[in-house]
Amino acid sequence: MAPKVITTRDGSRSLFSTRYQQHYHNISGALTESRNVFFDNTGLSRALAEHRNITLCEVGFGTGLHVVLLECLRKRTGSRSQVHYYSVEKYPLEGSTVRQMDFDRICQGINKVVGQLADALYAARDGDCVTMTLQNDPETVPLPESGHASGRQQPCNAAGLLISGGKSQPDDAPFTRVEVFRGDFIDWDLSHINHPAHFILHDAFSPDTNPDLWTVPTFKKLHLAADPGAMMGTYCSATKARAAMVLAGWHVARVQGPPGKREVTVASPDEMALSGLKQVNEASLAERFRDELS
């Protein structure tokens, strides 16, 4: 059964998953939650505004909302960042469903682009990577062409989708290159990413319904792919999930959440990156959950 489209309280749209019996986003506001948890709390918004080049990894591509929000913030700030965006999705949505998100309300012209990406991902086989490169304002992006986006060789089967400005670009031109792996997180090879991830967006369904993505091995894999000063954000505040992060080598802090969430979680390999935040008692969490989670 196809997911049900809903309108959240900030006017942005989301879905209810019949597979997981959960909403894709906070019903108090999908867009508000995503900006708070994954962009503002992690420093990703600031990095874009400061024109830093960025590598990020996302667990759970979902509707593509975070690509949309990233392009919205790029446009709003005039960001000249070069962004390499890696994501994974086991159960891709049909393009027709994604188009119902009406993302043009967030960033004019992007709904068509993300819908085309969703079409390609839905048609891909397990183990395929689908790539999309945005080099111009989404309003001027032409139709997709067959082929592969530029970048390092992919270790998975390539289902190429190139969306670009059509003209040659200077080496320092801003772009967003999105690569989505269709398949299980455990099969996602992060050894080929262009740079250790500066930001990790952990947006899987909750530990109650999708426990495999909240384990010590999951967070160890992300830790290995992370830059020493990386920031990871997630909406989840569950004690056991935070303990799994700690046991995987992350330092963990609690921060204020969006409407409808009292607090959410940020983490980093570098404890100093969490300076000024309210860190959890890592020693206590490790001792309490070590036997259960090891």
Protein backbone atom coordinates (compact mmCIF):
# COMPACT_ATOMS: atom_id res chain seq x y z
CA MET A 1 0.00 0.00 0.00
CA ALA A 2 1.35 3.42 -0.95
CA PRO A 3 2.26 5.81 1.88
CA LYS A 4 -0.42 8.33 2.80
CA VAL A 5 0.34 12.01 2.13
CA ILE A 6 -0.31 14.34 5.06
CA THR A 7 0.15 18.07 5.68
CA THR A 8 2.07 18.85 8.87
CA ARG A 9 1.40 21.82 11.12
CA ASP A 10 3.97 24.13 9.51
CA GLY A 11 2.30 23.61 6.11
CA SER A 12 4.95 21.24 4.70
CA ARG A 13 3.98 17.75 3.63
CA SER A 14 5.06 14.33 4.82
CA LEU A 15 4.01 10.70 4.53
CA PHE A 16 2.68 7.98 6.80
CA SER A 17 4.49 4.68 6.19
CA THR A 18 2.20 1.68 6.17
CA ARG A 19 5.30 -0.55 6.30
CA TYR A 20 6.65 0.97 9.52
CA GLN A 21 3.39 2.44 10.84
CA GLN A 22 5.15 5.75 11.41
CA HIS A 23 5.26 9.18 9.87
CA TYR A 24 8.32 10.08 7.85
CA HIS A 25 8.61 13.38 9.74
CA ASN A 26 7.36 15.15 12.83
CA ILE A 27 3.68 15.97 12.31
CA SER A 28 4.26 19.25 14.17
CA GLY A 29 6.25 20.36 11.14
CA ALA A 30 8.30 18.29 8.68
CA LEU A 31 10.34 21.22 7.38
CA THR A 32 10.78 22.74 10.83
CA GLU A 33 12.04 19.45 12.25
CA SER A 34 14.50 18.83 9.43
CA ARG A 35 16.03 22.28 9.66
CA ASN A 36 16.35 22.11 13.45
CA VAL A 37 17.70 18.56 13.74
CA PHE A 38 19.86 18.14 10.68
CA PHE A 39 20.92 21.63 9.58
CA ASP A 40 20.96 24.05 12.52
CA ASN A 41 21.95 21.72 15.38
CA THR A 42 24.79 20.14 13.39
CA GLY A 43 26.16 23.40 11.96
CA LEU A 44 25.34 22.40 8.38
CA SER A 45 23.37 25.62 7.83
CA ARG A 46 26.37 27.66 8.93
CA ALA A 47 28.77 25.65 6.76
CA LEU A 48 26.65 26.43 3.68
CA ALA A 49 26.46 30.12 4.56
CA GLU A 50 30.25 30.17 4.97
CA HIS A 51 30.70 28.57 1.51
CA ARG A 52 32.58 25.56 2.89
CA ASN A 53 32.92 22.46 0.73
CA ILE A 54 30.92 19.67 2.34
CA THR A 55 30.67 15.90 2.32
CA LEU A 56 27.64 14.48 4.08
CA CYS A 57 26.13 11.05 4.59
CA GLU A 58 22.44 10.47 5.20
CA VAL A 59 20.82 7.33 6.61
CA GLY A 60 17.36 7.21 5.07
CA PHE A 61 16.81 9.22 1.86
CA GLY A 62 13.02 9.06 2.26
CA THR A 63 11.20 11.77 0.33
CA GLY A 64 14.38 13.71 -0.50
CA LEU A 65 13.37 16.55 1.82
CA HIS A 66 16.93 17.18 3.00
CA VAL A 67 18.20 17.64 -0.56
CA VAL A 68 15.38 20.14 -1.06
CA LEU A 69 16.19 22.00 2.15
CA LEU A 70 19.88 22.07 1.30
CA GLU A 71 19.15 23.65 -2.08
CA CYS A 72 16.75 26.10 -0.45
CA LEU A 73 19.43 27.23 2.01
CA ARG A 74 22.05 27.38 -0.76
CA LYS A 75 19.79 29.66 -2.79
CA ARG A 76 18.85 31.82 0.21
CA THR A 77 22.47 32.38 1.30
CA GLY A 78 24.07 32.46 -2.14
CA SER A 79 26.25 29.57 -1.00
CA ARG A 80 29.14 28.60 -3.27
CA SER A 81 29.75 25.33 -1.46
CA GLN A 82 30.57 22.19 -3.38
CA VAL A 83 28.48 19.48 -1.73
CA HIS A 84 28.91 15.72 -2.06
CA TYR A 85 25.73 14.16 -0.67
CA TYR A 86 25.66 10.38 -0.07
CA SER A 87 22.49 8.59 1.02
CA VAL A 88 20.95 5.14 1.30
CA GLU A 89 17.38 3.94 0.86
CA LYS A 90 16.11 0.37 1.09
CA TYR A 91 12.51 1.09 0.08
CA PRO A 92 12.44 3.94 -2.49
CA LEU A 93 9.27 5.89 -3.04
CA GLU A 94 7.62 6.16 -6.43
CA GLY A 95 8.25 9.44 -8.20
CA SER A 96 4.51 10.12 -8.30
CA THR A 97 4.43 10.01 -4.49
CA VAL A 98 7.43 12.31 -4.13
CA ARG A 99 5.88 14.84 -6.51
CA GLN A 100 2.91 15.08 -4.15
CA MET A 101 5.25 16.60 -1.56
CA ASP A 102 4.98 19.88 -3.52
CA PHE A 103 8.59 20.81 -2.73
CA ASP A 104 8.31 23.89 -4.96
CA ARG A 105 6.75 25.58 -1.93
CA ILE A 106 10.19 25.29 -0.31
CA CYS A 107 12.47 25.82 -3.32
CA GLN A 108 10.96 26.85 -6.65
CA GLY A 109 11.64 24.33 -9.42
CA ILE A 110 13.01 21.55 -7.21
CA ASN A 111 9.90 19.33 -7.14
CA LYS A 112 10.46 18.21 -10.74
CA VAL A 113 14.14 17.50 -10.13
CA VAL A 114 13.63 15.41 -6.98
CA GLY A 115 10.74 13.62 -8.67
CA GLN A 116 13.06 12.59 -11.50
CA LEU A 117 15.61 11.32 -9.00
CA ALA A 118 12.86 9.33 -7.27
CA ASP A 119 11.81 7.80 -10.60
CA ALA A 120 15.36 6.61 -11.25
CA LEU A 121 15.84 5.27 -7.74
CA TYR A 122 12.53 3.41 -7.79
CA ALA A 123 13.45 1.80 -11.12
CA ALA A 124 16.96 0.85 -9.96
CA ARG A 125 17.91 -2.60 -8.74
CA ASP A 126 19.17 -3.41 -5.26
CA GLY A 127 22.87 -2.57 -5.22
CA ASP A 128 22.47 0.27 -7.73
CA CYS A 129 23.58 3.83 -7.09
CA VAL A 130 21.61 6.68 -8.63
CA THR A 131 23.41 9.99 -9.05
CA MET A 132 22.17 13.52 -9.62
CA THR A 133 24.30 16.63 -10.05
CA LEU A 134 22.80 20.08 -9.60
CA GLN A 135 25.08 22.81 -10.94
CA ASN A 136 22.64 25.66 -11.50
CA ASP A 137 19.57 27.11 -9.86
CA PRO A 138 16.90 24.34 -9.96
CA GLU A 139 14.63 26.68 -11.94
CA THR A 140 17.00 26.41 -14.92
CA VAL A 141 17.85 22.70 -14.72
CA PRO A 142 17.17 20.87 -18.01
CA LEU A 143 15.74 17.40 -18.37
CA PRO A 144 17.97 14.51 -17.27
CA GLU A 145 20.50 13.04 -19.63
CA SER A 146 21.72 9.48 -19.72
CA GLY A 147 25.15 8.93 -18.22
CA HIS A 148 27.14 9.19 -15.03
CA ALA A 149 27.77 12.22 -12.89
CA SER A 150 31.41 13.21 -12.53
CA GLY A 151 33.29 12.05 -9.46
CA ARG A 152 35.09 9.04 -8.11
CA GLN A 153 34.21 5.62 -9.42
CA GLN A 154 31.26 4.04 -7.69
CA PRO A 155 31.73 0.57 -6.20
CA CYS A 156 28.09 -0.36 -6.81
CA ASN A 157 26.13 -0.79 -10.01
CA ALA A 158 25.56 2.62 -11.57
CA ALA A 159 22.15 3.84 -12.62
CA GLY A 160 23.29 7.26 -13.78
CA LEU A 161 21.11 10.35 -13.74
CA LEU A 162 22.90 13.54 -14.70
CA ILE A 163 21.09 16.80 -14.09
CA SER A 164 23.34 19.78 -14.73
CA GLY A 165 23.43 23.24 -16.21
CA GLY A 166 24.40 22.11 -19.68
CA LYS A 167 27.51 24.33 -19.91
CA SER A 168 31.04 23.61 -18.75
CA GLN A 169 31.62 24.84 -15.22
CA PRO A 170 34.79 26.26 -13.65
CA ASP A 171 36.50 24.05 -11.08
CA ASP A 172 35.35 26.26 -8.22
CA ALA A 173 31.70 26.44 -9.36
CA PRO A 174 29.16 25.42 -6.71
CA PHE A 175 27.30 22.16 -7.12
CA THR A 176 25.41 19.51 -5.22
CA ARG A 177 26.18 15.95 -6.25
CA VAL A 178 23.74 13.43 -4.81
CA GLU A 179 24.45 9.69 -4.82
CA VAL A 180 21.79 7.38 -3.39
CA PHE A 181 22.47 3.69 -2.83
CA ARG A 182 19.42 1.47 -3.19
CA GLY A 183 19.66 -1.35 -0.68
CA ASP A 184 20.40 -2.28 2.92
CA PHE A 185 22.58 -0.05 5.05
CA ILE A 186 24.79 -3.05 5.81
CA ASP A 187 25.62 -3.34 2.08
CA TRP A 188 26.34 0.38 1.62
CA ASP A 189 30.03 0.87 0.85
CA LEU A 190 31.25 4.16 2.31
CA SER A 191 34.92 3.56 1.54
CA HIS A 192 34.67 5.37 -1.80
CA ILE A 193 33.25 8.71 -0.65
CA ASN A 194 35.24 11.70 -1.82
CA HIS A 195 36.18 12.84 1.72
CA PRO A 196 35.40 11.66 5.26
CA ALA A 197 31.93 12.96 6.07
CA HIS A 198 31.69 16.36 7.72
CA PHE A 199 28.00 15.83 8.53
CA ILE A 200 25.89 12.73 9.11
CA LEU A 201 22.09 12.90 8.98
CA HIS A 202 20.73 9.85 10.80
CA ASP A 203 17.08 9.80 9.79
CA ALA A 204 16.05 6.15 9.92
CA PHE A 205 12.67 5.05 11.23
CA SER A 206 12.63 4.73 15.00
CA PRO A 207 14.48 2.06 17.04
CA ASP A 208 11.14 0.44 17.88
CA THR A 209 10.31 -0.32 14.25
CA ASN A 210 13.74 -0.34 12.57
CA PRO A 211 16.19 -1.46 15.29
CA ASP A 212 18.96 -2.57 12.92
CA LEU A 213 19.85 1.04 12.15
CA TRP A 214 20.36 2.00 15.80
CA THR A 215 23.01 -0.55 16.79
CA VAL A 216 26.65 -0.28 17.80
CA PRO A 217 27.80 -1.74 14.41
CA THR A 218 25.72 0.87 12.56
CA PHE A 219 27.26 3.75 14.49
CA LYS A 220 30.76 2.24 14.19
CA LYS A 221 30.36 2.13 10.41
CA LEU A 222 29.34 5.79 10.39
CA HIS A 223 32.21 6.66 12.76
CA LEU A 224 34.70 5.08 10.36
CA ALA A 225 33.29 7.19 7.52
CA ALA A 226 33.33 10.42 9.56
CA ASP A 227 35.80 13.29 9.60
CA PRO A 228 37.46 13.70 13.04
CA GLY A 229 35.43 16.87 13.59
CA ALA A 230 32.19 15.56 12.05
CA MET A 231 28.76 16.31 13.49
CA MET A 232 25.93 13.76 13.44
CA GLY A 233 22.33 14.75 14.05
CA THR A 234 19.25 12.66 14.73
CA TYR A 235 15.72 13.27 15.96
CA CYS A 236 15.99 10.27 18.29
CA SER A 237 16.53 10.85 22.02
CA ALA A 238 16.20 7.22 23.15
CA THR A 239 18.68 6.31 25.88
CA LYS A 240 19.63 2.99 24.28
CA ALA A 241 20.31 4.65 20.91
CA ARG A 242 22.59 7.18 22.60
CA ALA A 243 24.34 4.34 24.41
CA ALA A 244 24.97 2.60 21.08
CA MET A 245 26.56 5.80 19.77
CA VAL A 246 28.80 6.05 22.85
CA LEU A 247 29.89 2.40 22.57
CA ALA A 248 30.71 3.03 18.89
CA GLY A 249 33.10 5.86 19.80
CA TRP A 250 30.87 8.92 19.49
CA HIS A 251 30.61 11.70 22.03
CA VAL A 252 26.94 12.55 22.52
CA ALA A 253 24.97 15.62 23.58
CA ARG A 254 21.32 16.54 23.97
CA VAL A 255 19.97 19.71 22.37
CA GLN A 256 16.58 21.38 22.23
CA GLY A 257 14.30 19.87 19.65
CA PRO A 258 11.71 21.36 17.28
CA PRO A 259 8.06 21.83 18.26
CA GLY A 260 6.71 18.48 19.44
CA LYS A 261 10.14 17.22 20.57
CA ARG A 262 11.59 18.29 23.92
CA GLU A 263 15.12 17.33 22.90
CA VAL A 264 17.07 15.64 20.12
CA THR A 265 20.62 14.33 19.76
CA VAL A 266 23.91 15.46 18.24
CA ALA A 267 27.18 13.54 18.33
CA SER A 268 30.78 13.89 17.20
CA PRO A 269 34.04 11.90 17.28
CA ASP A 270 35.57 15.06 18.80
CA GLU A 271 34.32 15.94 22.28
CA MET A 272 35.42 19.55 21.79
CA ALA A 273 32.94 19.87 18.90
CA LEU A 274 30.18 19.56 21.52
CA SER A 275 31.59 22.30 23.73
CA GLY A 276 28.82 24.34 25.30
CA LEU A 277 26.20 21.61 24.81
CA LYS A 278 24.71 19.38 27.49
CA GLN A 279 26.59 16.10 27.09
CA VAL A 280 25.15 12.82 28.27
CA ASN A 281 26.85 10.79 31.00
CA GLU A 282 28.80 8.60 28.62
CA ALA A 283 30.46 6.43 31.27
CA SER A 284 27.11 5.62 32.85
CA LEU A 285 25.50 4.79 29.49
CA ALA A 286 28.40 2.55 28.48
CA GLU A 287 28.32 0.67 31.77
CA ARG A 288 24.55 0.26 31.72
CA PHE A 289 24.23 -1.01 28.15
CA ARG A 290 27.60 -2.60 27.36
CA ASP A 291 26.50 -6.21 27.86
CA GLU A 292 23.12 -5.73 26.16
CA LEU A 293 24.49 -3.95 23.09
CA SER A 294 27.84 -5.68 22.63
